Amino acid sequence: MATDAQQACFEAGIKFGSLYHQFAGTPVSPSSARSLEAAMAESIENQPFCESVTVEISDDRVADAIDHENGYTELTGSLMDVEMRIAYEGVTVRTRMAMRDGYPLMELVSVDDEADGTDENGAIN
């Protein structure tokens, strides 16, 4: 049986998988980035246990990736930074996706267990 903290981390992974694989390949340009950010965040926030999602698509990275006259490129993890907060049974998980060594890495930032008053390192909150 999974602990509440493990289940909260699993839920965060599900949300990242949905966000990344649902939107990868979407046409994006600097002029459409804000509306795409909002659509991505709002769609993932509909899922259970999701408290917040922040998606930031880099206009500079998008502009650099455009390599044809049509003025757009396909969305990839290298073009965006994402943060999520998931809450499950008194456990709050914070996650992020950011570029690390040329790869869009999804990672846990913190796991806070309100029930026992400690964070992921056992420190008292």
PDB file of N, CA and C in Angstrom:
ATOM      1  N   MET A   1       0.834  -1.178   0.000  1.00  0.00           N
ATOM      2  CA  MET A   1       0.000   0.000   0.000  1.00  0.00           C
ATOM      3  C   MET A   1       0.885   1.250   0.000  1.00  0.00           C
ATOM      4  N   ALA A   2       0.577   2.181  -0.853  1.00  0.00           N
ATOM      5  CA  ALA A   2       1.354   3.421  -0.952  1.00  0.00           C
ATOM      6  C   ALA A   2       1.012   4.355   0.207  1.00  0.00           C
ATOM      7  N   THR A   3       2.024   5.089   0.658  1.00  0.00           N
ATOM      8  CA  THR A   3       1.774   6.124   1.657  1.00  0.00           C
ATOM      9  C   THR A   3       1.101   7.311   0.972  1.00  0.00           C
ATOM     10  N   ASP A   4       0.549   8.219   1.772  1.00  0.00           N
ATOM     11  CA  ASP A   4      -0.056   9.416   1.191  1.00  0.00           C
ATOM     12  C   ASP A   4       0.978  10.238   0.431  1.00  0.00           C
ATOM     13  N   ALA A   5       2.193  10.315   0.942  1.00  0.00           N
ATOM     14  CA  ALA A   5       3.252  11.060   0.249  1.00  0.00           C
ATOM     15  C   ALA A   5       3.596  10.406  -1.077  1.00  0.00           C
ATOM     16  N   GLN A   6       3.684   9.085  -1.100  1.00  0.00           N
ATOM     17  CA  GLN A   6       3.964   8.388  -2.356  1.00  0.00           C
ATOM     18  C   GLN A   6       2.826   8.592  -3.354  1.00  0.00           C
ATOM     19  N   GLN A   7       1.593   8.540  -2.891  1.00  0.00           N
ATOM     20  CA  GLN A   7       0.451   8.744  -3.779  1.00  0.00           C
ATOM     21  C   GLN A   7       0.443  10.174  -4.321  1.00  0.00           C
ATOM     22  N   ALA A   8       0.775  11.138  -3.479  1.00  0.00           N
ATOM     23  CA  ALA A   8       0.834  12.531  -3.927  1.00  0.00           C
ATOM     24  C   ALA A   8       1.903  12.698  -5.010  1.00  0.00           C
ATOM     25  N   CYS A   9       3.050  12.053  -4.837  1.00  0.00           N
ATOM     26  CA  CYS A   9       4.108  12.109  -5.851  1.00  0.00           C
ATOM     27  C   CYS A   9       3.657  11.430  -7.142  1.00  0.00           C
ATOM     28  N   PHE A  10       2.971  10.314  -7.032  1.00  0.00           N
ATOM     29  CA  PHE A  10       2.425   9.631  -8.203  1.00  0.00           C
ATOM     30  C   PHE A  10       1.461  10.552  -8.946  1.00  0.00           C
ATOM     31  N   GLU A  11       0.570  11.218  -8.204  1.00  0.00           N
ATOM     32  CA  GLU A  11      -0.379  12.143  -8.822  1.00  0.00           C
ATOM     33  C   GLU A  11       0.354  13.254  -9.576  1.00  0.00           C
ATOM     34  N   ALA A  12       1.433  13.759  -9.001  1.00  0.00           N
ATOM     35  CA  ALA A  12       2.224  14.799  -9.678  1.00  0.00           C
ATOM     36  C   ALA A  12       2.794  14.263 -10.983  1.00  0.00           C
ATOM     37  N   GLY A  13       3.275  13.042 -10.974  1.00  0.00           N
ATOM     38  CA  GLY A  13       3.816  12.439 -12.190  1.00  0.00           C
ATOM     39  C   GLY A  13       2.761  12.286 -13.268  1.00  0.00           C
ATOM     40  N   ILE A  14       1.563  11.888 -12.873  1.00  0.00           N
ATOM     41  CA  ILE A  14       0.462  11.761 -13.824  1.00  0.00           C
ATOM     42  C   ILE A  14       0.164  13.118 -14.465  1.00  0.00           C
ATOM     43  N   LYS A  15       0.152  14.160 -13.659  1.00  0.00           N
ATOM     44  CA  LYS A  15      -0.151  15.497 -14.194  1.00  0.00           C
ATOM     45  C   LYS A  15       0.925  15.931 -15.190  1.00  0.00           C
ATOM     46  N   PHE A  16       2.202  15.684 -14.856  1.00  0.00           N
ATOM     47  CA  PHE A  16       3.265  16.062 -15.780  1.00  0.00           C
ATOM     48  C   PHE A  16       3.181  15.262 -17.069  1.00  0.00           C
ATOM     49  N   GLY A  17       2.897  13.975 -16.972  1.00  0.00           N
ATOM     50  CA  GLY A  17       2.754  13.156 -18.175  1.00  0.00           C
ATOM     51  C   GLY A  17       1.635  13.668 -19.056  1.00  0.00           C
ATOM     52  N   SER A  18       0.519  14.024 -18.441  1.00  0.00           N
ATOM     53  CA  SER A  18      -0.609  14.563 -19.207  1.00  0.00           C
ATOM     54  C   SER A  18      -0.232  15.872 -19.887  1.00  0.00           C
ATOM     55  N   LEU A  19       0.363  16.767 -19.121  1.00  0.00           N
ATOM     56  CA  LEU A  19       0.713  18.074 -19.674  1.00  0.00           C
ATOM     57  C   LEU A  19       1.689  17.928 -20.830  1.00  0.00           C
ATOM     58  N   TYR A  20       2.747  17.192 -20.612  1.00  0.00           N
ATOM     59  CA  TYR A  20       3.786  17.105 -21.630  1.00  0.00           C
ATOM     60  C   TYR A  20       3.285  16.407 -22.886  1.00  0.00           C
ATOM     61  N   HIS A  21       2.671  15.258 -22.731  1.00  0.00           N
ATOM     62  CA  HIS A  21       2.307  14.469 -23.909  1.00  0.00           C
ATOM     63  C   HIS A  21       1.030  14.939 -24.585  1.00  0.00           C
ATOM     64  N   GLN A  22       0.206  15.677 -23.864  1.00  0.00           N
ATOM     65  CA  GLN A  22      -0.985  16.240 -24.484  1.00  0.00           C
ATOM     66  C   GLN A  22      -0.632  17.435 -25.364  1.00  0.00           C
ATOM     67  N   PHE A  23       0.370  18.214 -24.960  1.00  0.00           N
ATOM     68  CA  PHE A  23       0.644  19.470 -25.661  1.00  0.00           C
ATOM     69  C   PHE A  23       1.916  19.467 -26.502  1.00  0.00           C
ATOM     70  N   ALA A  24       2.794  18.499 -26.330  1.00  0.00           N
ATOM     71  CA  ALA A  24       4.002  18.453 -27.165  1.00  0.00           C
ATOM     72  C   ALA A  24       3.592  18.374 -28.628  1.00  0.00           C
ATOM     73  N   GLY A  25       4.194  19.189 -29.448  1.00  0.00           N
ATOM     74  CA  GLY A  25       3.874  19.221 -30.871  1.00  0.00           C
ATOM     75  C   GLY A  25       2.864  20.278 -31.250  1.00  0.00           C
ATOM     76  N   THR A  26       2.248  20.936 -30.262  1.00  0.00           N
ATOM     77  CA  THR A  26       1.286  22.000 -30.549  1.00  0.00           C
ATOM     78  C   THR A  26       2.006  23.162 -31.226  1.00  0.00           C
ATOM     79  N   PRO A  27       1.460  23.713 -32.307  1.00  0.00           N
ATOM     80  CA  PRO A  27       2.069  24.886 -32.920  1.00  0.00           C
ATOM     81  C   PRO A  27       2.068  26.067 -31.937  1.00  0.00           C
ATOM     82  N   VAL A  28       3.196  26.753 -31.822  1.00  0.00           N
ATOM     83  CA  VAL A  28       3.312  27.889 -30.908  1.00  0.00           C
ATOM     84  C   VAL A  28       4.189  28.960 -31.538  1.00  0.00           C
ATOM     85  N   SER A  29       3.808  30.195 -31.272  1.00  0.00           N
ATOM     86  CA  SER A  29       4.590  31.352 -31.691  1.00  0.00           C
ATOM     87  C   SER A  29       4.623  32.311 -30.504  1.00  0.00           C
ATOM     88  N   PRO A  30       5.498  33.309 -30.554  1.00  0.00           N
ATOM     89  CA  PRO A  30       5.485  34.278 -29.455  1.00  0.00           C
ATOM     90  C   PRO A  30       4.106  34.929 -29.265  1.00  0.00           C
ATOM     91  N   SER A  31       3.368  35.113 -30.327  1.00  0.00           N
ATOM     92  CA  SER A  31       2.051  35.755 -30.183  1.00  0.00           C
ATOM     93  C   SER A  31       0.980  34.817 -29.624  1.00  0.00           C
ATOM     94  N   SER A  32       1.187  33.520 -29.691  1.00  0.00           N
ATOM     95  CA  SER A  32       0.189  32.586 -29.158  1.00  0.00           C
ATOM     96  C   SER A  32       0.609  31.956 -27.830  1.00  0.00           C
ATOM     97  N   ALA A  33       1.793  32.271 -27.358  1.00  0.00           N
ATOM     98  CA  ALA A  33       2.338  31.607 -26.166  1.00  0.00           C
ATOM     99  C   ALA A  33       1.485  31.833 -24.922  1.00  0.00           C
ATOM    100  N   ARG A  34       0.996  33.051 -24.689  1.00  0.00           N
ATOM    101  CA  ARG A  34       0.224  33.317 -23.462  1.00  0.00           C
ATOM    102  C   ARG A  34      -1.071  32.507 -23.431  1.00  0.00           C
ATOM    103  N   SER A  35      -1.772  32.439 -24.557  1.00  0.00           N
ATOM    104  CA  SER A  35      -3.029  31.681 -24.567  1.00  0.00           C
ATOM    105  C   SER A  35      -2.759  30.188 -24.419  1.00  0.00           C
ATOM    106  N   LEU A  36      -1.659  29.695 -24.973  1.00  0.00           N
ATOM    107  CA  LEU A  36      -1.315  28.282 -24.821  1.00  0.00           C
ATOM    108  C   LEU A  36      -0.935  27.978 -23.374  1.00  0.00           C
ATOM    109  N   GLU A  37      -0.178  28.883 -22.741  1.00  0.00           N
ATOM    110  CA  GLU A  37       0.157  28.708 -21.325  1.00  0.00           C
ATOM    111  C   GLU A  37      -1.112  28.553 -20.490  1.00  0.00           C
ATOM    112  N   ALA A  38      -2.078  29.451 -20.709  1.00  0.00           N
ATOM    113  CA  ALA A  38      -3.330  29.410 -19.943  1.00  0.00           C
ATOM    114  C   ALA A  38      -4.101  28.127 -20.212  1.00  0.00           C
ATOM    115  N   ALA A  39      -4.187  27.721 -21.463  1.00  0.00           N
ATOM    116  CA  ALA A  39      -4.914  26.499 -21.803  1.00  0.00           C
ATOM    117  C   ALA A  39      -4.275  25.279 -21.149  1.00  0.00           C
ATOM    118  N   MET A  40      -2.955  25.225 -21.161  1.00  0.00           N
ATOM    119  CA  MET A  40      -2.258  24.092 -20.556  1.00  0.00           C
ATOM    120  C   MET A  40      -2.510  24.043 -19.055  1.00  0.00           C
ATOM    121  N   ALA A  41      -2.319  25.170 -18.394  1.00  0.00           N
ATOM    122  CA  ALA A  41      -2.503  25.218 -16.942  1.00  0.00           C
ATOM    123  C   ALA A  41      -3.937  24.877 -16.558  1.00  0.00           C
ATOM    124  N   GLU A  42      -4.894  25.483 -17.237  1.00  0.00           N
ATOM    125  CA  GLU A  42      -6.297  25.254 -16.886  1.00  0.00           C
ATOM    126  C   GLU A  42      -6.720  23.816 -17.145  1.00  0.00           C
ATOM    127  N   SER A  43      -6.208  23.186 -18.179  1.00  0.00           N
ATOM    128  CA  SER A  43      -6.608  21.806 -18.454  1.00  0.00           C
ATOM    129  C   SER A  43      -6.057  20.857 -17.396  1.00  0.00           C
ATOM    130  N   ILE A  44      -4.828  21.062 -16.956  1.00  0.00           N
ATOM    131  CA  ILE A  44      -4.235  20.181 -15.949  1.00  0.00           C
ATOM    132  C   ILE A  44      -4.851  20.445 -14.582  1.00  0.00           C
ATOM    133  N   GLU A  45      -5.197  21.700 -14.290  1.00  0.00           N
ATOM    134  CA  GLU A  45      -5.831  22.025 -13.007  1.00  0.00           C
ATOM    135  C   GLU A  45      -7.195  21.356 -12.846  1.00  0.00           C
ATOM    136  N   ASN A  46      -7.803  20.901 -13.932  1.00  0.00           N
ATOM    137  CA  ASN A  46      -9.071  20.171 -13.847  1.00  0.00           C
ATOM    138  C   ASN A  46      -8.908  18.801 -13.205  1.00  0.00           C
ATOM    139  N   GLN A  47      -7.703  18.261 -13.199  1.00  0.00           N
ATOM    140  CA  GLN A  47      -7.483  16.910 -12.701  1.00  0.00           C
ATOM    141  C   GLN A  47      -7.550  16.872 -11.171  1.00  0.00           C
ATOM    142  N   PRO A  48      -7.942  15.720 -10.631  1.00  0.00           N
ATOM    143  CA  PRO A  48      -8.040  15.594  -9.171  1.00  0.00           C
ATOM    144  C   PRO A  48      -6.723  15.904  -8.474  1.00  0.00           C
ATOM    145  N   PHE A  49      -6.829  16.537  -7.316  1.00  0.00           N
ATOM    146  CA  PHE A  49      -5.725  16.822  -6.400  1.00  0.00           C
ATOM    147  C   PHE A  49      -4.776  17.914  -6.892  1.00  0.00           C
ATOM    148  N   CYS A  50      -5.037  18.508  -8.042  1.00  0.00           N
ATOM    149  CA  CYS A  50      -4.163  19.544  -8.583  1.00  0.00           C
ATOM    150  C   CYS A  50      -4.601  20.901  -8.045  1.00  0.00           C
ATOM    151  N   GLU A  51      -3.733  21.534  -7.262  1.00  0.00           N
ATOM    152  CA  GLU A  51      -4.058  22.843  -6.696  1.00  0.00           C
ATOM    153  C   GLU A  51      -3.662  23.989  -7.612  1.00  0.00           C
ATOM    154  N   SER A  52      -2.519  23.880  -8.269  1.00  0.00           N
ATOM    155  CA  SER A  52      -2.109  24.960  -9.167  1.00  0.00           C
ATOM    156  C   SER A  52      -1.082  24.467 -10.171  1.00  0.00           C
ATOM    157  N   VAL A  53      -1.098  25.121 -11.330  1.00  0.00           N
ATOM    158  CA  VAL A  53      -0.134  24.860 -12.398  1.00  0.00           C
ATOM    159  C   VAL A  53       0.284  26.202 -12.975  1.00  0.00           C
ATOM    160  N   THR A  54       1.567  26.387 -13.134  1.00  0.00           N
ATOM    161  CA  THR A  54       2.095  27.574 -13.798  1.00  0.00           C
ATOM    162  C   THR A  54       2.919  27.113 -14.991  1.00  0.00           C
ATOM    163  N   VAL A  55       2.568  27.598 -16.172  1.00  0.00           N
ATOM    164  CA  VAL A  55       3.306  27.280 -17.391  1.00  0.00           C
ATOM    165  C   VAL A  55       3.858  28.580 -17.945  1.00  0.00           C
ATOM    166  N   GLU A  56       5.158  28.615 -18.190  1.00  0.00           N
ATOM    167  CA  GLU A  56       5.790  29.775 -18.811  1.00  0.00           C
ATOM    168  C   GLU A  56       6.502  29.312 -20.068  1.00  0.00           C
ATOM    169  N   ILE A  57       6.030  29.800 -21.208  1.00  0.00           N
ATOM    170  CA  ILE A  57       6.659  29.495 -22.488  1.00  0.00           C
ATOM    171  C   ILE A  57       7.574  30.670 -22.829  1.00  0.00           C
ATOM    172  N   SER A  58       8.822  30.384 -23.091  1.00  0.00           N
ATOM    173  CA  SER A  58       9.817  31.420 -23.342  1.00  0.00           C
ATOM    174  C   SER A  58       9.684  31.965 -24.758  1.00  0.00           C
ATOM    175  N   ASP A  59       9.334  33.233 -24.866  1.00  0.00           N
ATOM    176  CA  ASP A  59       9.233  33.856 -26.188  1.00  0.00           C
ATOM    177  C   ASP A  59      10.571  33.796 -26.931  1.00  0.00           C
ATOM    178  N   ASP A  60      11.664  34.010 -26.214  1.00  0.00           N
ATOM    179  CA  ASP A  60      12.981  33.991 -26.850  1.00  0.00           C
ATOM    180  C   ASP A  60      13.308  32.602 -27.391  1.00  0.00           C
ATOM    181  N   ARG A  61      13.044  31.568 -26.598  1.00  0.00           N
ATOM    182  CA  ARG A  61      13.332  30.205 -27.052  1.00  0.00           C
ATOM    183  C   ARG A  61      12.425  29.811 -28.212  1.00  0.00           C
ATOM    184  N   VAL A  62      11.154  30.262 -28.170  1.00  0.00           N
ATOM    185  CA  VAL A  62      10.229  29.981 -29.278  1.00  0.00           C
ATOM    186  C   VAL A  62      10.734  30.664 -30.545  1.00  0.00           C
ATOM    187  N   ALA A  63      11.070  31.948 -30.442  1.00  0.00           N
ATOM    188  CA  ALA A  63      11.538  32.691 -31.614  1.00  0.00           C
ATOM    189  C   ALA A  63      12.793  32.037 -32.204  1.00  0.00           C
ATOM    190  N   ASP A  64      13.703  31.588 -31.344  1.00  0.00           N
ATOM    191  CA  ASP A  64      14.924  30.936 -31.826  1.00  0.00           C
ATOM    192  C   ASP A  64      14.639  29.606 -32.517  1.00  0.00           C
ATOM    193  N   ALA A  65      13.538  28.940 -32.121  1.00  0.00           N
ATOM    194  CA  ALA A  65      13.213  27.626 -32.688  1.00  0.00           C
ATOM    195  C   ALA A  65      12.458  27.713 -34.016  1.00  0.00           C
ATOM    196  N   ILE A  66      11.948  28.888 -34.363  1.00  0.00           N
ATOM    197  CA  ILE A  66      11.210  29.048 -35.621  1.00  0.00           C
ATOM    198  C   ILE A  66      12.208  29.032 -36.778  1.00  0.00           C
ATOM    199  N   ASP A  67      12.046  28.054 -37.666  1.00  0.00           N
ATOM    200  CA  ASP A  67      13.018  27.915 -38.751  1.00  0.00           C
ATOM    201  C   ASP A  67      12.369  27.926 -40.136  1.00  0.00           C
ATOM    202  N   HIS A  68      11.183  28.518 -40.241  1.00  0.00           N
ATOM    203  CA  HIS A  68      10.524  28.617 -41.542  1.00  0.00           C
ATOM    204  C   HIS A  68       9.662  29.878 -41.573  1.00  0.00           C
ATOM    205  N   GLU A  69       9.146  30.203 -42.719  1.00  0.00           N
ATOM    206  CA  GLU A  69       8.419  31.470 -42.912  1.00  0.00           C
ATOM    207  C   GLU A  69       7.021  31.497 -42.317  1.00  0.00           C
ATOM    208  N   ASN A  70       6.523  30.380 -41.814  1.00  0.00           N
ATOM    209  CA  ASN A  70       5.166  30.355 -41.275  1.00  0.00           C
ATOM    210  C   ASN A  70       5.042  30.986 -39.890  1.00  0.00           C
ATOM    211  N   GLY A  71       6.147  31.258 -39.221  1.00  0.00           N
ATOM    212  CA  GLY A  71       6.123  32.011 -37.968  1.00  0.00           C
ATOM    213  C   GLY A  71       5.773  31.229 -36.722  1.00  0.00           C
ATOM    214  N   TYR A  72       5.876  29.918 -36.751  1.00  0.00           N
ATOM    215  CA  TYR A  72       5.621  29.130 -35.540  1.00  0.00           C
ATOM    216  C   TYR A  72       6.568  27.947 -35.493  1.00  0.00           C
ATOM    217  N   THR A  73       6.603  27.311 -34.342  1.00  0.00           N
ATOM    218  CA  THR A  73       7.355  26.072 -34.168  1.00  0.00           C
ATOM    219  C   THR A  73       6.485  25.119 -33.362  1.00  0.00           C
ATOM    220  N   GLU A  74       6.953  23.903 -33.176  1.00  0.00           N
ATOM    221  CA  GLU A  74       6.217  22.942 -32.364  1.00  0.00           C
ATOM    222  C   GLU A  74       6.677  23.040 -30.918  1.00  0.00           C
ATOM    223  N   LEU A  75       5.720  22.999 -29.993  1.00  0.00           N
ATOM    224  CA  LEU A  75       6.036  23.074 -28.578  1.00  0.00           C
ATOM    225  C   LEU A  75       6.810  21.835 -28.136  1.00  0.00           C
ATOM    226  N   THR A  76       7.899  22.068 -27.433  1.00  0.00           N
ATOM    227  CA  THR A  76       8.685  21.000 -26.806  1.00  0.00           C
ATOM    228  C   THR A  76       8.997  21.433 -25.381  1.00  0.00           C
ATOM    229  N   GLY A  77       9.482  20.503 -24.593  1.00  0.00           N
ATOM    230  CA  GLY A  77       9.842  20.819 -23.222  1.00  0.00           C
ATOM    231  C   GLY A  77      10.929  21.869 -23.114  1.00  0.00           C
ATOM    232  N   SER A  78      11.767  21.981 -24.136  1.00  0.00           N
ATOM    233  CA  SER A  78      12.849  22.965 -24.100  1.00  0.00           C
ATOM    234  C   SER A  78      12.345  24.398 -24.191  1.00  0.00           C
ATOM    235  N   LEU A  79      11.086  24.589 -24.543  1.00  0.00           N
ATOM    236  CA  LEU A  79      10.535  25.932 -24.720  1.00  0.00           C
ATOM    237  C   LEU A  79       9.762  26.432 -23.509  1.00  0.00           C
ATOM    238  N   MET A  80       9.597  25.586 -22.483  1.00  0.00           N
ATOM    239  CA  MET A  80       8.737  25.990 -21.370  1.00  0.00           C
ATOM    240  C   MET A  80       9.311  25.591 -20.019  1.00  0.00           C
ATOM    241  N   ASP A  81       8.850  26.305 -19.002  1.00  0.00           N
ATOM    242  CA  ASP A  81       9.117  25.996 -17.603  1.00  0.00           C
ATOM    243  C   ASP A  81       7.752  25.809 -16.944  1.00  0.00           C
ATOM    244  N   VAL A  82       7.634  24.786 -16.110  1.00  0.00           N
ATOM    245  CA  VAL A  82       6.347  24.443 -15.505  1.00  0.00           C
ATOM    246  C   VAL A  82       6.545  24.202 -14.016  1.00  0.00           C
ATOM    247  N   GLU A  83       5.592  24.675 -13.220  1.00  0.00           N
ATOM    248  CA  GLU A  83       5.545  24.364 -11.792  1.00  0.00           C
ATOM    249  C   GLU A  83       4.145  23.874 -11.462  1.00  0.00           C
ATOM    250  N   MET A  84       4.058  22.897 -10.556  1.00  0.00           N
ATOM    251  CA  MET A  84       2.760  22.360 -10.122  1.00  0.00           C
ATOM    252  C   MET A  84       2.756  22.180  -8.620  1.00  0.00           C
ATOM    253  N   ARG A  85       1.555  22.307  -8.057  1.00  0.00           N
ATOM    254  CA  ARG A  85       1.346  21.990  -6.646  1.00  0.00           C
ATOM    255  C   ARG A  85       0.191  21.005  -6.575  1.00  0.00           C
ATOM    256  N   ILE A  86       0.456  19.844  -5.983  1.00  0.00           N
ATOM    257  CA  ILE A  86      -0.518  18.767  -5.854  1.00  0.00           C
ATOM    258  C   ILE A  86      -0.765  18.552  -4.366  1.00  0.00           C
ATOM    259  N   ALA A  87      -2.031  18.400  -3.978  1.00  0.00           N
ATOM    260  CA  ALA A  87      -2.373  18.126  -2.581  1.00  0.00           C
ATOM    261  C   ALA A  87      -3.180  16.839  -2.513  1.00  0.00           C
ATOM    262  N   TYR A  88      -2.711  15.922  -1.655  1.00  0.00           N
ATOM    263  CA  TYR A  88      -3.387  14.637  -1.488  1.00  0.00           C
ATOM    264  C   TYR A  88      -3.358  14.249  -0.019  1.00  0.00           C
ATOM    265  N   GLU A  89      -4.520  14.154   0.582  1.00  0.00           N
ATOM    266  CA  GLU A  89      -4.653  13.666   1.961  1.00  0.00           C
ATOM    267  C   GLU A  89      -3.657  14.319   2.926  1.00  0.00           C
ATOM    268  N   GLY A  90      -3.573  15.650   2.893  1.00  0.00           N
ATOM    269  CA  GLY A  90      -2.695  16.367   3.815  1.00  0.00           C
ATOM    270  C   GLY A  90      -1.242  16.460   3.382  1.00  0.00           C
ATOM    271  N   VAL A  91      -0.917  15.929   2.222  1.00  0.00           N
ATOM    272  CA  VAL A  91       0.447  16.024   1.700  1.00  0.00           C
ATOM    273  C   VAL A  91       0.433  16.974   0.504  1.00  0.00           C
ATOM    274  N   THR A  92       1.331  17.944   0.514  1.00  0.00           N
ATOM    275  CA  THR A  92       1.459  18.867  -0.607  1.00  0.00           C
ATOM    276  C   THR A  92       2.792  18.617  -1.299  1.00  0.00           C
ATOM    277  N   VAL A  93       2.709  18.370  -2.597  1.00  0.00           N
ATOM    278  CA  VAL A  93       3.892  18.111  -3.409  1.00  0.00           C
ATOM    279  C   VAL A  93       4.079  19.281  -4.361  1.00  0.00           C
ATOM    280  N   ARG A  94       5.286  19.807  -4.390  1.00  0.00           N
ATOM    281  CA  ARG A  94       5.634  20.857  -5.349  1.00  0.00           C
ATOM    282  C   ARG A  94       6.623  20.259  -6.346  1.00  0.00           C
ATOM    283  N   THR A  95       6.368  20.529  -7.616  1.00  0.00           N
ATOM    284  CA  THR A  95       7.195  19.979  -8.688  1.00  0.00           C
ATOM    285  C   THR A  95       7.533  21.070  -9.686  1.00  0.00           C
ATOM    286  N   ARG A  96       8.500  20.781 -10.542  1.00  0.00           N
ATOM    287  CA  ARG A  96       8.823  21.719 -11.614  1.00  0.00           C
ATOM    288  C   ARG A  96       9.442  20.968 -12.781  1.00  0.00           C
ATOM    289  N   MET A  97       9.353  21.592 -13.924  1.00  0.00           N
ATOM    290  CA  MET A  97      10.052  21.127 -15.107  1.00  0.00           C
ATOM    291  C   MET A  97      10.856  22.312 -15.629  1.00  0.00           C
ATOM    292  N   ALA A  98      12.140  22.089 -15.790  1.00  0.00           N
ATOM    293  CA  ALA A  98      13.015  23.130 -16.306  1.00  0.00           C
ATOM    294  C   ALA A  98      14.157  22.449 -17.056  1.00  0.00           C
ATOM    295  N   MET A  99      14.800  23.200 -17.893  1.00  0.00           N
ATOM    296  CA  MET A  99      15.912  22.653 -18.677  1.00  0.00           C
ATOM    297  C   MET A  99      17.116  22.405 -17.768  1.00  0.00           C
ATOM    298  N   ARG A 100      17.668  21.206 -17.888  1.00  0.00           N
ATOM    299  CA  ARG A 100      18.893  20.829 -17.183  1.00  0.00           C
ATOM    300  C   ARG A 100      19.781  20.106 -18.185  1.00  0.00           C
ATOM    301  N   ASP A 101      20.916  20.696 -18.484  1.00  0.00           N
ATOM    302  CA  ASP A 101      21.865  20.093 -19.425  1.00  0.00           C
ATOM    303  C   ASP A 101      21.211  19.747 -20.758  1.00  0.00           C
ATOM    304  N   GLY A 102      20.365  20.652 -21.260  1.00  0.00           N
ATOM    305  CA  GLY A 102      19.735  20.463 -22.557  1.00  0.00           C
ATOM    306  C   GLY A 102      18.545  19.535 -22.571  1.00  0.00           C
ATOM    307  N   TYR A 103      18.035  19.153 -21.396  1.00  0.00           N
ATOM    308  CA  TYR A 103      16.911  18.214 -21.313  1.00  0.00           C
ATOM    309  C   TYR A 103      15.834  18.785 -20.397  1.00  0.00           C
ATOM    310  N   PRO A 104      14.549  18.677 -20.778  1.00  0.00           N
ATOM    311  CA  PRO A 104      13.479  19.163 -19.897  1.00  0.00           C
ATOM    312  C   PRO A 104      13.240  18.171 -18.754  1.00  0.00           C
ATOM    313  N   LEU A 105      13.816  18.449 -17.601  1.00  0.00           N
ATOM    314  CA  LEU A 105      13.766  17.546 -16.457  1.00  0.00           C
ATOM    315  C   LEU A 105      12.584  17.889 -15.551  1.00  0.00           C
ATOM    316  N   MET A 106      11.783  16.884 -15.248  1.00  0.00           N
ATOM    317  CA  MET A 106      10.678  17.027 -14.303  1.00  0.00           C
ATOM    318  C   MET A 106      11.168  16.518 -12.957  1.00  0.00           C
ATOM    319  N   GLU A 107      10.977  17.327 -11.900  1.00  0.00           N
ATOM    320  CA  GLU A 107      11.534  16.948 -10.610  1.00  0.00           C
ATOM    321  C   GLU A 107      10.650  17.376  -9.451  1.00  0.00           C
ATOM    322  N   LEU A 108      10.803  16.645  -8.345  1.00  0.00           N
ATOM    323  CA  LEU A 108      10.150  17.032  -7.098  1.00  0.00           C
ATOM    324  C   LEU A 108      10.938  18.168  -6.478  1.00  0.00           C
ATOM    325  N   VAL A 109      10.237  19.199  -6.040  1.00  0.00           N
ATOM    326  CA  VAL A 109      10.875  20.296  -5.334  1.00  0.00           C
ATOM    327  C   VAL A 109      10.736  20.069  -3.833  1.00  0.00           C
ATOM    328  N   SER A 110       9.518  19.687  -3.399  1.00  0.00           N
ATOM    329  CA  SER A 110       9.300  19.415  -1.982  1.00  0.00           C
ATOM    330  C   SER A 110       8.085  18.523  -1.799  1.00  0.00           C
ATOM    331  N   VAL A 111       8.091  17.806  -0.680  1.00  0.00           N
ATOM    332  CA  VAL A 111       6.972  16.985  -0.250  1.00  0.00           C
ATOM    333  C   VAL A 111       6.716  17.362   1.199  1.00  0.00           C
ATOM    334  N   ASP A 112       5.609  18.033   1.470  1.00  0.00           N
ATOM    335  CA  ASP A 112       5.290  18.482   2.821  1.00  0.00           C
ATOM    336  C   ASP A 112       4.102  17.698   3.344  1.00  0.00           C
ATOM    337  N   ASP A 113       4.312  16.989   4.440  1.00  0.00           N
ATOM    338  CA  ASP A 113       3.268  16.175   5.053  1.00  0.00           C
ATOM    339  C   ASP A 113       2.698  16.937   6.241  1.00  0.00           C
ATOM    340  N   GLU A 114       1.542  17.561   6.027  1.00  0.00           N
ATOM    341  CA  GLU A 114       0.906  18.352   7.079  1.00  0.00           C
ATOM    342  C   GLU A 114       0.464  17.478   8.244  1.00  0.00           C
ATOM    343  N   ALA A 115       0.180  16.218   7.980  1.00  0.00           N
ATOM    344  CA  ALA A 115      -0.322  15.324   9.027  1.00  0.00           C
ATOM    345  C   ALA A 115       0.718  15.099  10.119  1.00  0.00           C
ATOM    346  N   ASP A 116       1.996  14.921   9.707  1.00  0.00           N
ATOM    347  CA  ASP A 116       3.007  14.687  10.743  1.00  0.00           C
ATOM    348  C   ASP A 116       3.874  15.911  10.985  1.00  0.00           C
ATOM    349  N   GLY A 117       3.598  17.011  10.268  1.00  0.00           N
ATOM    350  CA  GLY A 117       4.313  18.263  10.498  1.00  0.00           C
ATOM    351  C   GLY A 117       5.745  18.285   9.996  1.00  0.00           C
ATOM    352  N   THR A 118       6.095  17.400   9.045  1.00  0.00           N
ATOM    353  CA  THR A 118       7.473  17.379   8.543  1.00  0.00           C
ATOM    354  C   THR A 118       7.496  17.529   7.032  1.00  0.00           C
ATOM    355  N   ASP A 119       8.670  17.895   6.537  1.00  0.00           N
ATOM    356  CA  ASP A 119       8.859  17.943   5.096  1.00  0.00           C
ATOM    357  C   ASP A 119       9.549  16.666   4.643  1.00  0.00           C
ATOM    358  N   GLU A 120       9.959  16.614   3.353  1.00  0.00           N
ATOM    359  CA  GLU A 120      10.525  15.392   2.794  1.00  0.00           C
ATOM    360  C   GLU A 120      11.816  14.944   3.476  1.00  0.00           C
ATOM    361  N   ASN A 121      12.473  15.845   4.196  1.00  0.00           N
ATOM    362  CA  ASN A 121      13.716  15.507   4.887  1.00  0.00           C
ATOM    363  C   ASN A 121      13.495  15.198   6.363  1.00  0.00           C
ATOM    364  N   GLY A 122      12.217  15.204   6.778  1.00  0.00           N
ATOM    365  CA  GLY A 122      11.907  14.945   8.171  1.00  0.00           C
ATOM    366  C   GLY A 122      12.005  16.186   9.049  1.00  0.00           C
ATOM    367  N   ALA A 123      12.307  17.338   8.432  1.00  0.00           N
ATOM    368  CA  ALA A 123      12.396  18.578   9.211  1.00  0.00           C
ATOM    369  C   ALA A 123      11.004  19.024   9.625  1.00  0.00           C
ATOM    370  N   ILE A 124      10.912  19.590  10.802  1.00  0.00           N
ATOM    371  CA  ILE A 124       9.623  20.063  11.298  1.00  0.00           C
ATOM    372  C   ILE A 124       9.231  21.328  10.573  1.00  0.00           C
ATOM    373  N   ASN A 125       7.964  21.347  10.103  1.00  0.00           N
ATOM    374  CA  ASN A 125       7.452  22.527   9.375  1.00  0.00           C
ATOM    375  C   ASN A 125       7.086  23.627  10.337  1.00  0.00           C
TER     376      ASN A 125
END
